[in-house]
Amino acid sequence: MRTQSLTIEVDIGSASSWGRPPDRAWLVRLRRADRSIIVAIGLSRTAADSLAERITELVGPDPADAPARSAQQPQGMGLTG
């Protein structure tokens, strides 16, 4: 079975924004297929974007697991004159 991708959404609230100032009406939602969960409401757009970015970094691949790149040029690839 193929795992469906997780999306992190920043959205303007509807019912969750009633009574809130317009600059505090943003929410962050995680979604996979037809399932979703709202993780924060009542945020400014800047705060919602920041939270979504941090969640993306958290659930993404760990940079420490990436293969190390060698700063050296591969042998046999040098130019001769």
C-alpha atoms as a PDB file:
ATOM      1  CA  MET A   1       0.000   0.000   0.000  1.00  0.00           C
ATOM      2  CA  ARG A   2       1.356   3.413  -0.984  1.00  0.00           C
ATOM      3  CA  THR A   3       1.464   6.028   1.751  1.00  0.00           C
ATOM      4  CA  GLN A   4      -0.377   9.203   0.800  1.00  0.00           C
ATOM      5  CA  SER A   5       1.504  12.431   1.294  1.00  0.00           C
ATOM      6  CA  LEU A   6       0.937  14.720   4.236  1.00  0.00           C
ATOM      7  CA  THR A   7       0.174  18.347   3.451  1.00  0.00           C
ATOM      8  CA  ILE A   8       0.487  21.281   5.815  1.00  0.00           C
ATOM      9  CA  GLU A   9      -2.024  24.014   5.022  1.00  0.00           C
ATOM     10  CA  VAL A  10      -2.290  27.632   6.115  1.00  0.00           C
ATOM     11  CA  ASP A  11      -5.870  28.802   5.703  1.00  0.00           C
ATOM     12  CA  ILE A  12      -8.195  31.575   6.766  1.00  0.00           C
ATOM     13  CA  GLY A  13     -10.632  30.210   9.290  1.00  0.00           C
ATOM     14  CA  SER A  14     -14.374  30.153   8.742  1.00  0.00           C
ATOM     15  CA  ALA A  15     -16.335  29.171  11.826  1.00  0.00           C
ATOM     16  CA  SER A  16     -13.133  29.252  13.882  1.00  0.00           C
ATOM     17  CA  SER A  17     -12.615  32.917  13.018  1.00  0.00           C
ATOM     18  CA  TRP A  18     -15.998  34.210  14.170  1.00  0.00           C
ATOM     19  CA  GLY A  19     -15.484  37.040  16.620  1.00  0.00           C
ATOM     20  CA  ARG A  20     -11.753  37.218  15.942  1.00  0.00           C
ATOM     21  CA  PRO A  21     -10.035  40.250  14.474  1.00  0.00           C
ATOM     22  CA  PRO A  22      -9.236  39.636  10.763  1.00  0.00           C
ATOM     23  CA  ASP A  23      -5.499  39.638  11.439  1.00  0.00           C
ATOM     24  CA  ARG A  24      -5.976  36.722  13.906  1.00  0.00           C
ATOM     25  CA  ALA A  25      -8.175  34.499  11.749  1.00  0.00           C
ATOM     26  CA  TRP A  26      -5.562  32.110  10.332  1.00  0.00           C
ATOM     27  CA  LEU A  27      -5.240  28.401  11.094  1.00  0.00           C
ATOM     28  CA  VAL A  28      -2.786  25.572  10.380  1.00  0.00           C
ATOM     29  CA  ARG A  29      -4.145  22.199   9.258  1.00  0.00           C
ATOM     30  CA  LEU A  30      -2.476  18.863   8.559  1.00  0.00           C
ATOM     31  CA  ARG A  31      -4.146  16.767   5.861  1.00  0.00           C
ATOM     32  CA  ARG A  32      -3.670  13.283   4.452  1.00  0.00           C
ATOM     33  CA  ALA A  33      -6.260  12.109   1.906  1.00  0.00           C
ATOM     34  CA  ASP A  34      -9.704  12.672   3.456  1.00  0.00           C
ATOM     35  CA  ARG A  35      -8.404  13.020   7.031  1.00  0.00           C
ATOM     36  CA  SER A  36      -7.336  16.302   8.584  1.00  0.00           C
ATOM     37  CA  ILE A  37      -6.585  17.909  11.913  1.00  0.00           C
ATOM     38  CA  ILE A  38      -6.382  21.587  12.789  1.00  0.00           C
ATOM     39  CA  VAL A  39      -3.365  22.175  14.999  1.00  0.00           C
ATOM     40  CA  ALA A  40      -3.756  25.902  15.680  1.00  0.00           C
ATOM     41  CA  ILE A  41      -6.363  28.630  15.215  1.00  0.00           C
ATOM     42  CA  GLY A  42      -6.445  32.368  15.859  1.00  0.00           C
ATOM     43  CA  LEU A  43      -3.006  33.044  14.421  1.00  0.00           C
ATOM     44  CA  SER A  44      -1.706  35.957  12.407  1.00  0.00           C
ATOM     45  CA  ARG A  45      -0.686  35.071   8.845  1.00  0.00           C
ATOM     46  CA  THR A  46       2.977  35.433   9.787  1.00  0.00           C
ATOM     47  CA  ALA A  47       2.629  33.109  12.779  1.00  0.00           C
ATOM     48  CA  ALA A  48       0.641  30.549  10.748  1.00  0.00           C
ATOM     49  CA  ASP A  49       3.276  30.532   7.990  1.00  0.00           C
ATOM     50  CA  SER A  50       6.045  30.161  10.559  1.00  0.00           C
ATOM     51  CA  LEU A  51       4.297  27.264  12.310  1.00  0.00           C
ATOM     52  CA  ALA A  52       3.633  25.512   8.986  1.00  0.00           C
ATOM     53  CA  GLU A  53       7.295  25.878   8.046  1.00  0.00           C
ATOM     54  CA  ARG A  54       8.456  24.415  11.356  1.00  0.00           C
ATOM     55  CA  ILE A  55       6.047  21.478  11.049  1.00  0.00           C
ATOM     56  CA  THR A  56       7.281  20.867   7.492  1.00  0.00           C
ATOM     57  CA  GLU A  57      10.865  20.756   8.757  1.00  0.00           C
ATOM     58  CA  LEU A  58       9.886  18.424  11.598  1.00  0.00           C
ATOM     59  CA  VAL A  59       8.039  15.851   9.487  1.00  0.00           C
ATOM     60  CA  GLY A  60      10.431  16.046   6.520  1.00  0.00           C
ATOM     61  CA  PRO A  61      13.589  14.004   6.101  1.00  0.00           C
ATOM     62  CA  ASP A  62      16.217  14.544   8.765  1.00  0.00           C
ATOM     63  CA  PRO A  63      19.108  16.524   7.229  1.00  0.00           C
ATOM     64  CA  ALA A  64      21.504  14.490   9.392  1.00  0.00           C
ATOM     65  CA  ASP A  65      20.444  11.382   7.434  1.00  0.00           C
ATOM     66  CA  ALA A  66      21.464  12.881   4.077  1.00  0.00           C
ATOM     67  CA  PRO A  67      24.593  11.375   2.511  1.00  0.00           C
ATOM     68  CA  ALA A  68      27.670  13.484   3.115  1.00  0.00           C
ATOM     69  CA  ARG A  69      28.969  15.306   0.071  1.00  0.00           C
ATOM     70  CA  SER A  70      32.667  15.342  -0.503  1.00  0.00           C
ATOM     71  CA  ALA A  71      34.179  18.746  -1.166  1.00  0.00           C
ATOM     72  CA  GLN A  72      36.883  17.056  -3.235  1.00  0.00           C
ATOM     73  CA  GLN A  73      36.648  16.780  -6.980  1.00  0.00           C
ATOM     74  CA  PRO A  74      36.218  13.153  -8.150  1.00  0.00           C
ATOM     75  CA  GLN A  75      39.384  11.559  -9.511  1.00  0.00           C
ATOM     76  CA  GLY A  76      39.748  11.520 -13.256  1.00  0.00           C
ATOM     77  CA  MET A  77      37.595  14.616 -13.719  1.00  0.00           C
ATOM     78  CA  GLY A  78      40.377  17.223 -13.647  1.00  0.00           C
ATOM     79  CA  LEU A  79      41.281  19.306 -16.661  1.00  0.00           C
ATOM     80  CA  THR A  80      44.713  18.980 -18.144  1.00  0.00           C
ATOM     81  CA  GLY A  81      46.346  21.445 -20.442  1.00  0.00           C
END
